Amino acid sequence: MHMIDLRSDTVTRPSSAMRKAMLEAEVGDDVFGEDPTVNRLQQVVAGMFGKEAALFVPSGVMGNQVCIKTHTRPGDEVIVEQESHVVIYETAAPAVLSGVLLRTVPGTRGSITADQVKKALRPKAYYLPRTSLVCLEITHGRSGGTIPQLDSVRAIRDIAQAEGIRMHLDGARIWNASVASGTPLSDYAVYFDSLSACLSKGLGAPVGSVIMGTKDFIERARTYRKMFGGGMRQVGILAAAGLYALEHNIQRLAEDHAKAKFLAEAISRLKAFSVDLATVQTNMVIADIVQDNLTQARALEMLQAKGVLLTPERENGIRAVTHLDVSSEEVQSAAEVFDSLFR
């Protein structure tokens, strides 16, 4: 049976052209700073975001954790939205690797406000943790790929600057946000002291993320990348995939967004599910189950039996993520499977 895999945009596989770019990549030892393809990738990404420097890392989690480590000292506190990737999916890494506390704030569709951040700040007292960092996430995965308003981000930045607090952006899917909103990448990046951007999700590269900041920040981050086991050698083979993805796979993200909207509207017509269509801003659809006798596990099992793969999300929802390896025709077929099972 042919499976329509909507579990994540991380399941994409390199195209033939991307594999060719990887095969032909010029390489060197990146720990010595001598891999020309890695160096080019870092220069290109830094330029796209308007940052001084960038560093290639194996994963988005490592990117976030290296940045947190570089910005903080043990015993500090980091303000973060309570459903963010850093909180839910990074295995308590801030506590284990950096010795910091996470002060979680409930967001609305993944966004927190400047007033919430202001209230979460610790007073300056020796017996309280020092608030040293605010982490935001764009797009916000647990909210269905939502994009915060830049005015809100700017207001949070103003408070952080006034208090001497750094800002980090988990921009795993920042490419989707930029394409969907028409906002240049640099217009997001300007509000953050550091950010990470993933190449192995919607852009279709097999591995890798890039972190950005000032030259001094990236030099310090390089130390922690090595400490965390991220110093790789002839890694230009992977960086070449990232360069190919940047050149060919950014603007086509609009197709994934259209596919997600189509699927969301189809599912929303079924009484078994509730879909907040306002959250379907990029390439994700989260459908909450509202039928009394239908469980999360059962819904996923029924869909899989018909050749459609999704994942569980939140308390009683299921998630679909559109990407370059699932065509519009396959998304239409998935919608028809939903209709046949849950009409």
Protein backbone atom coordinates (compact mmCIF):
# COMPACT_ATOMS: atom_id res chain seq x y z
CA MET A 1 0.00 0.00 0.00
CA HIS A 2 1.27 3.47 -0.88
CA MET A 3 1.44 5.59 2.29
CA ILE A 4 0.73 9.31 2.30
CA ASP A 5 3.13 10.47 5.00
CA LEU A 6 1.86 13.62 6.71
CA ARG A 7 3.57 12.99 10.04
CA SER A 8 6.11 15.78 9.63
CA ASP A 9 8.07 17.80 7.10
CA THR A 10 11.15 16.04 8.52
CA VAL A 11 10.32 12.89 6.52
CA THR A 12 11.32 14.47 3.22
CA ARG A 13 14.12 12.79 1.27
CA PRO A 14 16.76 14.51 -0.83
CA SER A 15 15.87 14.84 -4.50
CA SER A 16 18.15 13.54 -7.23
CA ALA A 17 19.42 17.05 -7.88
CA MET A 18 20.14 17.58 -4.19
CA ARG A 19 21.98 14.26 -4.01
CA LYS A 20 24.06 15.32 -7.02
CA ALA A 21 25.00 18.55 -5.25
CA MET A 22 26.02 16.53 -2.20
CA LEU A 23 28.09 14.12 -4.30
CA GLU A 24 29.98 16.93 -5.97
CA ALA A 25 30.52 19.06 -2.84
CA GLU A 26 34.00 20.41 -2.20
CA VAL A 27 34.95 19.46 1.34
CA GLY A 28 37.56 20.01 4.04
CA ASP A 29 37.88 19.63 7.80
CA ASP A 30 35.25 21.89 9.32
CA VAL A 31 36.66 21.62 12.85
CA PHE A 32 39.67 23.44 11.42
CA GLY A 33 37.30 25.82 9.62
CA GLU A 34 38.52 24.45 6.28
CA ASP A 35 35.37 23.09 4.67
CA PRO A 36 34.61 25.55 1.84
CA THR A 37 31.04 24.37 1.35
CA VAL A 38 30.21 24.78 5.05
CA ASN A 39 31.84 28.21 5.06
CA ARG A 40 29.77 29.23 2.03
CA LEU A 41 26.55 27.97 3.63
CA GLN A 42 27.28 29.95 6.79
CA GLN A 43 28.03 33.11 4.81
CA VAL A 44 24.90 32.76 2.69
CA VAL A 45 22.58 32.19 5.65
CA ALA A 46 24.10 35.02 7.71
CA GLY A 47 23.56 37.33 4.75
CA MET A 48 19.96 36.26 4.27
CA PHE A 49 19.15 37.11 7.88
CA GLY A 50 21.32 40.20 8.13
CA LYS A 51 23.55 38.74 10.84
CA GLU A 52 27.33 39.01 11.13
CA ALA A 53 28.07 35.30 11.33
CA ALA A 54 26.52 31.84 11.29
CA LEU A 55 27.39 28.30 12.37
CA PHE A 56 26.22 24.99 10.89
CA VAL A 57 24.98 22.49 13.50
CA PRO A 58 23.62 18.94 13.16
CA SER A 59 20.11 19.65 14.44
CA GLY A 60 17.62 22.25 15.53
CA VAL A 61 17.78 21.05 19.12
CA MET A 62 21.55 21.48 19.17
CA GLY A 63 21.14 24.93 17.63
CA ASN A 64 18.75 26.06 20.34
CA GLN A 65 20.78 24.53 23.14
CA VAL A 66 24.09 25.96 21.96
CA CYS A 67 22.48 29.40 21.85
CA ILE A 68 20.95 29.03 25.32
CA LYS A 69 24.31 27.88 26.69
CA THR A 70 26.14 30.78 25.06
CA HIS A 71 23.72 33.41 26.40
CA THR A 72 23.37 32.17 29.99
CA ARG A 73 25.20 31.00 33.07
CA PRO A 74 24.08 28.24 35.47
CA GLY A 75 21.29 29.36 37.75
CA ASP A 76 19.81 31.84 35.25
CA GLU A 77 16.20 31.80 34.17
CA VAL A 78 14.85 31.79 30.61
CA ILE A 79 11.36 33.06 29.73
CA VAL A 80 9.63 30.89 27.14
CA GLU A 81 6.11 30.09 25.94
CA GLN A 82 4.85 26.99 27.75
CA GLU A 83 4.09 24.91 24.63
CA SER A 84 7.27 25.78 22.76
CA HIS A 85 9.65 23.24 21.29
CA VAL A 86 12.36 24.12 23.81
CA VAL A 87 10.00 23.12 26.63
CA ILE A 88 8.19 20.12 25.15
CA TYR A 89 10.58 18.37 22.78
CA GLU A 90 14.16 19.06 23.88
CA THR A 91 14.44 16.52 26.70
CA ALA A 92 15.00 19.00 29.56
CA ALA A 93 18.23 20.03 27.82
CA PRO A 94 18.31 23.60 29.23
CA ALA A 95 18.45 22.17 32.76
CA VAL A 96 20.90 19.39 31.93
CA LEU A 97 23.28 21.22 29.59
CA SER A 98 23.09 24.82 30.78
CA GLY A 99 21.80 24.54 34.35
CA VAL A 100 19.06 27.09 33.74
CA LEU A 101 15.42 27.31 34.78
CA LEU A 102 12.62 27.77 32.25
CA ARG A 103 9.94 30.23 33.32
CA THR A 104 7.00 29.21 31.16
CA VAL A 105 4.30 31.62 30.06
CA PRO A 106 0.97 30.54 28.50
CA GLY A 107 0.61 31.89 24.99
CA THR A 108 -2.30 32.52 22.65
CA ARG A 109 -1.78 30.54 19.44
CA GLY A 110 1.86 30.30 20.48
CA SER A 111 2.41 34.01 21.04
CA ILE A 112 3.20 35.69 24.33
CA THR A 113 2.87 39.41 25.00
CA ALA A 114 5.25 42.04 26.24
CA ASP A 115 3.08 42.45 29.34
CA GLN A 116 3.44 38.73 30.11
CA VAL A 117 7.20 38.96 29.72
CA LYS A 118 7.34 42.02 31.96
CA LYS A 119 5.37 40.23 34.68
CA ALA A 120 7.61 37.14 34.39
CA LEU A 121 10.82 39.08 34.99
CA ARG A 122 12.46 38.32 38.31
CA PRO A 123 13.17 41.26 40.61
CA LYS A 124 16.87 41.89 41.02
CA ALA A 125 17.60 40.15 44.31
CA TYR A 126 20.52 37.92 45.18
CA TYR A 127 18.24 35.08 46.25
CA LEU A 128 16.30 34.99 42.95
CA PRO A 129 17.43 33.58 39.60
CA ARG A 130 18.62 36.12 37.07
CA THR A 131 16.40 36.49 34.01
CA SER A 132 18.91 36.46 31.18
CA LEU A 133 17.07 35.30 28.05
CA VAL A 134 13.71 35.26 26.29
CA CYS A 135 13.12 32.49 23.73
CA LEU A 136 10.40 32.77 21.08
CA GLU A 137 9.42 30.29 18.37
CA ILE A 138 8.44 31.07 14.75
CA THR A 139 6.46 29.26 13.46
CA HIS A 140 4.91 27.81 16.60
CA GLY A 141 4.49 24.09 16.05
CA ARG A 142 2.18 23.12 18.91
CA SER A 143 -0.23 25.84 17.80
CA GLY A 144 -0.33 24.57 14.23
CA GLY A 145 2.44 26.58 12.58
CA THR A 146 1.27 30.03 13.61
CA ILE A 147 3.16 33.28 13.06
CA PRO A 148 3.32 35.99 15.75
CA GLN A 149 2.82 39.62 14.82
CA LEU A 150 6.04 41.60 14.48
CA ASP A 151 4.58 44.38 16.64
CA SER A 152 4.35 41.91 19.51
CA VAL A 153 7.91 40.69 18.95
CA ARG A 154 9.14 44.29 18.83
CA ALA A 155 7.41 45.13 22.12
CA ILE A 156 9.02 42.13 23.81
CA ARG A 157 12.39 43.17 22.41
CA ASP A 158 11.98 46.68 23.83
CA ILE A 159 11.42 45.28 27.33
CA ALA A 160 14.33 42.87 26.99
CA GLN A 161 16.68 45.61 25.87
CA ALA A 162 15.65 47.87 28.73
CA GLU A 163 16.42 45.07 31.20
CA GLY A 164 19.66 43.88 29.57
CA ILE A 165 18.08 40.56 28.57
CA ARG A 166 19.01 38.69 25.40
CA MET A 167 16.56 37.37 22.81
CA HIS A 168 16.76 34.01 21.00
CA LEU A 169 14.50 32.80 18.20
CA ASP A 170 13.81 29.15 17.56
CA GLY A 171 13.23 29.73 13.87
CA ALA A 172 13.04 26.09 12.83
CA ARG A 173 10.34 26.99 10.28
CA ILE A 174 11.13 30.70 9.89
CA TRP A 175 11.25 30.11 6.13
CA ASN A 176 7.54 29.18 6.20
CA ALA A 177 6.72 32.29 8.21
CA SER A 178 8.58 34.54 5.78
CA VAL A 179 6.91 33.06 2.71
CA ALA A 180 3.43 33.03 4.24
CA SER A 181 3.59 36.58 5.60
CA GLY A 182 5.75 38.17 2.92
CA THR A 183 8.08 39.38 5.66
CA PRO A 184 11.82 39.31 4.82
CA LEU A 185 13.90 37.02 6.99
CA SER A 186 15.99 39.95 8.18
CA ASP A 187 12.86 41.73 9.47
CA TYR A 188 12.39 38.88 11.94
CA ALA A 189 16.07 38.46 12.75
CA VAL A 190 16.66 42.10 13.66
CA TYR A 191 14.83 41.63 16.98
CA PHE A 192 16.96 38.70 18.14
CA ASP A 193 20.50 38.38 19.44
CA SER A 194 20.59 34.83 18.12
CA LEU A 195 18.40 32.55 16.09
CA SER A 196 18.35 29.05 14.66
CA ALA A 197 16.88 28.02 11.32
CA CYS A 198 16.33 24.42 10.22
CA LEU A 199 17.26 23.09 6.79
CA SER A 200 15.83 19.58 7.23
CA LYS A 201 12.14 20.39 7.56
CA GLY A 202 10.22 22.19 4.83
CA LEU A 203 13.35 22.91 2.81
CA GLY A 204 13.97 19.20 2.31
CA ALA A 205 17.64 18.85 3.28
CA PRO A 206 18.45 15.58 5.07
CA VAL A 207 20.30 17.08 8.06
CA GLY A 208 21.20 20.35 9.66
CA SER A 209 20.37 23.73 11.11
CA VAL A 210 22.19 27.05 11.18
CA ILE A 211 22.53 29.41 14.13
CA MET A 212 23.28 33.11 13.71
CA GLY A 213 24.43 36.10 15.71
CA THR A 214 27.37 38.47 16.06
CA LYS A 215 30.87 37.27 15.22
CA ASP A 216 31.74 37.19 18.91
CA PHE A 217 28.61 35.20 19.75
CA ILE A 218 29.28 32.63 17.04
CA GLU A 219 32.90 32.20 18.13
CA ARG A 220 31.72 31.42 21.65
CA ALA A 221 28.96 29.19 20.29
CA ARG A 222 31.55 27.22 18.32
CA THR A 223 33.10 26.13 21.63
CA TYR A 224 29.78 24.78 22.89
CA ARG A 225 29.01 23.10 19.58
CA LYS A 226 32.25 21.18 20.02
CA MET A 227 31.46 20.45 23.67
CA PHE A 228 28.03 19.08 22.75
CA GLY A 229 29.55 16.78 20.11
CA GLY A 230 28.64 18.86 17.06
CA GLY A 231 32.11 19.38 15.65
CA MET A 232 31.97 17.48 12.36
CA ARG A 233 34.67 16.98 9.76
CA GLN A 234 34.06 16.81 5.97
CA VAL A 235 30.53 18.01 6.51
CA GLY A 236 30.34 19.96 3.27
CA ILE A 237 28.51 16.91 1.92
CA LEU A 238 25.59 17.92 4.15
CA ALA A 239 26.09 21.67 3.78
CA ALA A 240 25.73 21.26 0.01
CA ALA A 241 22.23 19.92 0.55
CA GLY A 242 21.44 23.01 2.59
CA LEU A 243 22.74 25.32 -0.11
CA TYR A 244 20.66 23.50 -2.72
CA ALA A 245 17.60 23.79 -0.49
CA LEU A 246 18.10 27.53 -0.02
CA GLU A 247 18.36 28.05 -3.76
CA HIS A 248 15.45 25.86 -4.85
CA ASN A 249 13.03 25.13 -2.02
CA ILE A 250 12.08 28.35 -0.23
CA GLN A 251 9.47 29.97 -2.46
CA ARG A 252 7.81 26.61 -3.18
CA LEU A 253 6.80 26.49 0.51
CA ALA A 254 3.71 28.43 -0.58
CA GLU A 255 2.54 25.21 -2.23
CA ASP A 256 2.74 23.39 1.10
CA HIS A 257 0.72 26.16 2.74
CA ALA A 258 -1.99 25.86 0.10
CA LYS A 259 -2.09 22.07 0.58
CA ALA A 260 -2.45 22.49 4.35
CA LYS A 261 -5.30 24.97 3.94
CA PHE A 262 -7.11 22.62 1.55
CA LEU A 263 -6.79 19.70 3.97
CA ALA A 264 -7.79 21.80 6.98
CA GLU A 265 -10.96 22.99 5.27
CA ALA A 266 -11.84 19.42 4.28
CA ILE A 267 -11.37 18.09 7.83
CA SER A 268 -13.24 21.04 9.35
CA ARG A 269 -16.39 19.93 7.52
CA LEU A 270 -16.43 16.65 9.47
CA LYS A 271 -18.35 16.53 12.74
CA ALA A 272 -15.73 14.28 14.37
CA PHE A 273 -13.14 17.06 14.36
CA SER A 274 -12.71 20.69 15.24
CA VAL A 275 -10.12 22.71 13.31
CA ASP A 276 -9.27 26.31 14.17
CA LEU A 277 -8.78 27.50 10.61
CA ALA A 278 -7.22 30.75 11.83
CA THR A 279 -4.20 28.74 12.99
CA VAL A 280 -3.61 27.19 9.57
CA GLN A 281 -1.15 29.86 8.49
CA THR A 282 1.65 27.70 7.10
CA ASN A 283 2.06 23.94 6.55
CA MET A 284 0.40 22.37 9.60
CA VAL A 285 -3.11 21.24 10.44
CA ILE A 286 -4.12 20.28 13.97
CA ALA A 287 -7.56 18.70 14.26
CA ASP A 288 -9.00 18.24 17.74
CA ILE A 289 -11.21 15.17 18.14
CA VAL A 290 -14.70 16.09 19.37
CA GLN A 291 -16.54 12.81 18.71
CA ASP A 292 -17.21 11.09 22.04
CA ASN A 293 -16.40 7.54 21.00
CA LEU A 294 -13.29 8.40 18.97
CA THR A 295 -9.86 8.40 20.59
CA GLN A 296 -6.62 9.83 19.32
CA ALA A 297 -5.08 6.38 18.94
CA ARG A 298 -8.13 4.98 17.17
CA ALA A 299 -8.31 7.86 14.68
CA LEU A 300 -4.63 7.43 13.80
CA GLU A 301 -5.07 3.67 13.47
CA MET A 302 -8.03 4.06 11.13
CA LEU A 303 -6.18 6.55 8.94
CA GLN A 304 -3.05 4.40 8.79
CA ALA A 305 -5.10 1.40 7.70
CA LYS A 306 -6.20 3.49 4.73
CA GLY A 307 -2.68 4.64 3.91
CA VAL A 308 -2.54 8.05 5.63
CA LEU A 309 0.02 8.73 8.36
CA LEU A 310 -0.46 11.49 10.94
CA THR A 311 0.80 12.05 14.50
CA PRO A 312 -0.90 12.67 17.85
CA GLU A 313 -0.93 16.28 19.02
CA ARG A 314 -1.89 17.93 22.28
CA GLU A 315 -4.43 16.24 24.55
CA ASN A 316 -6.80 14.77 21.98
CA GLY A 317 -5.80 15.98 18.56
CA ILE A 318 -4.05 14.75 15.46
CA ARG A 319 -1.59 16.63 13.27
CA ALA A 320 -0.86 16.69 9.55
CA VAL A 321 2.14 18.46 8.06
CA THR A 322 2.37 19.11 4.33
CA HIS A 323 5.73 19.09 2.57
CA LEU A 324 7.49 18.71 -0.78
CA ASP A 325 7.28 14.91 -0.80
CA VAL A 326 3.48 14.87 -0.69
CA SER A 327 1.77 16.16 -3.82
CA SER A 328 -1.47 18.12 -4.05
CA GLU A 329 -3.11 14.99 -5.48
CA GLU A 330 -1.99 12.96 -2.46
CA VAL A 331 -3.33 15.61 -0.10
CA GLN A 332 -6.65 15.44 -1.95
CA SER A 333 -6.58 11.65 -1.54
CA ALA A 334 -5.93 12.08 2.18
CA ALA A 335 -8.93 14.38 2.42
CA GLU A 336 -11.06 11.75 0.70
CA VAL A 337 -9.87 9.15 3.20
CA PHE A 338 -10.90 11.45 6.07
CA ASP A 339 -14.28 11.88 4.45
CA SER A 340 -14.81 8.16 3.92
CA LEU A 341 -13.88 7.30 7.50
CA PHE A 342 -15.44 10.13 9.50
CA ARG A 343 -18.24 11.55 7.36
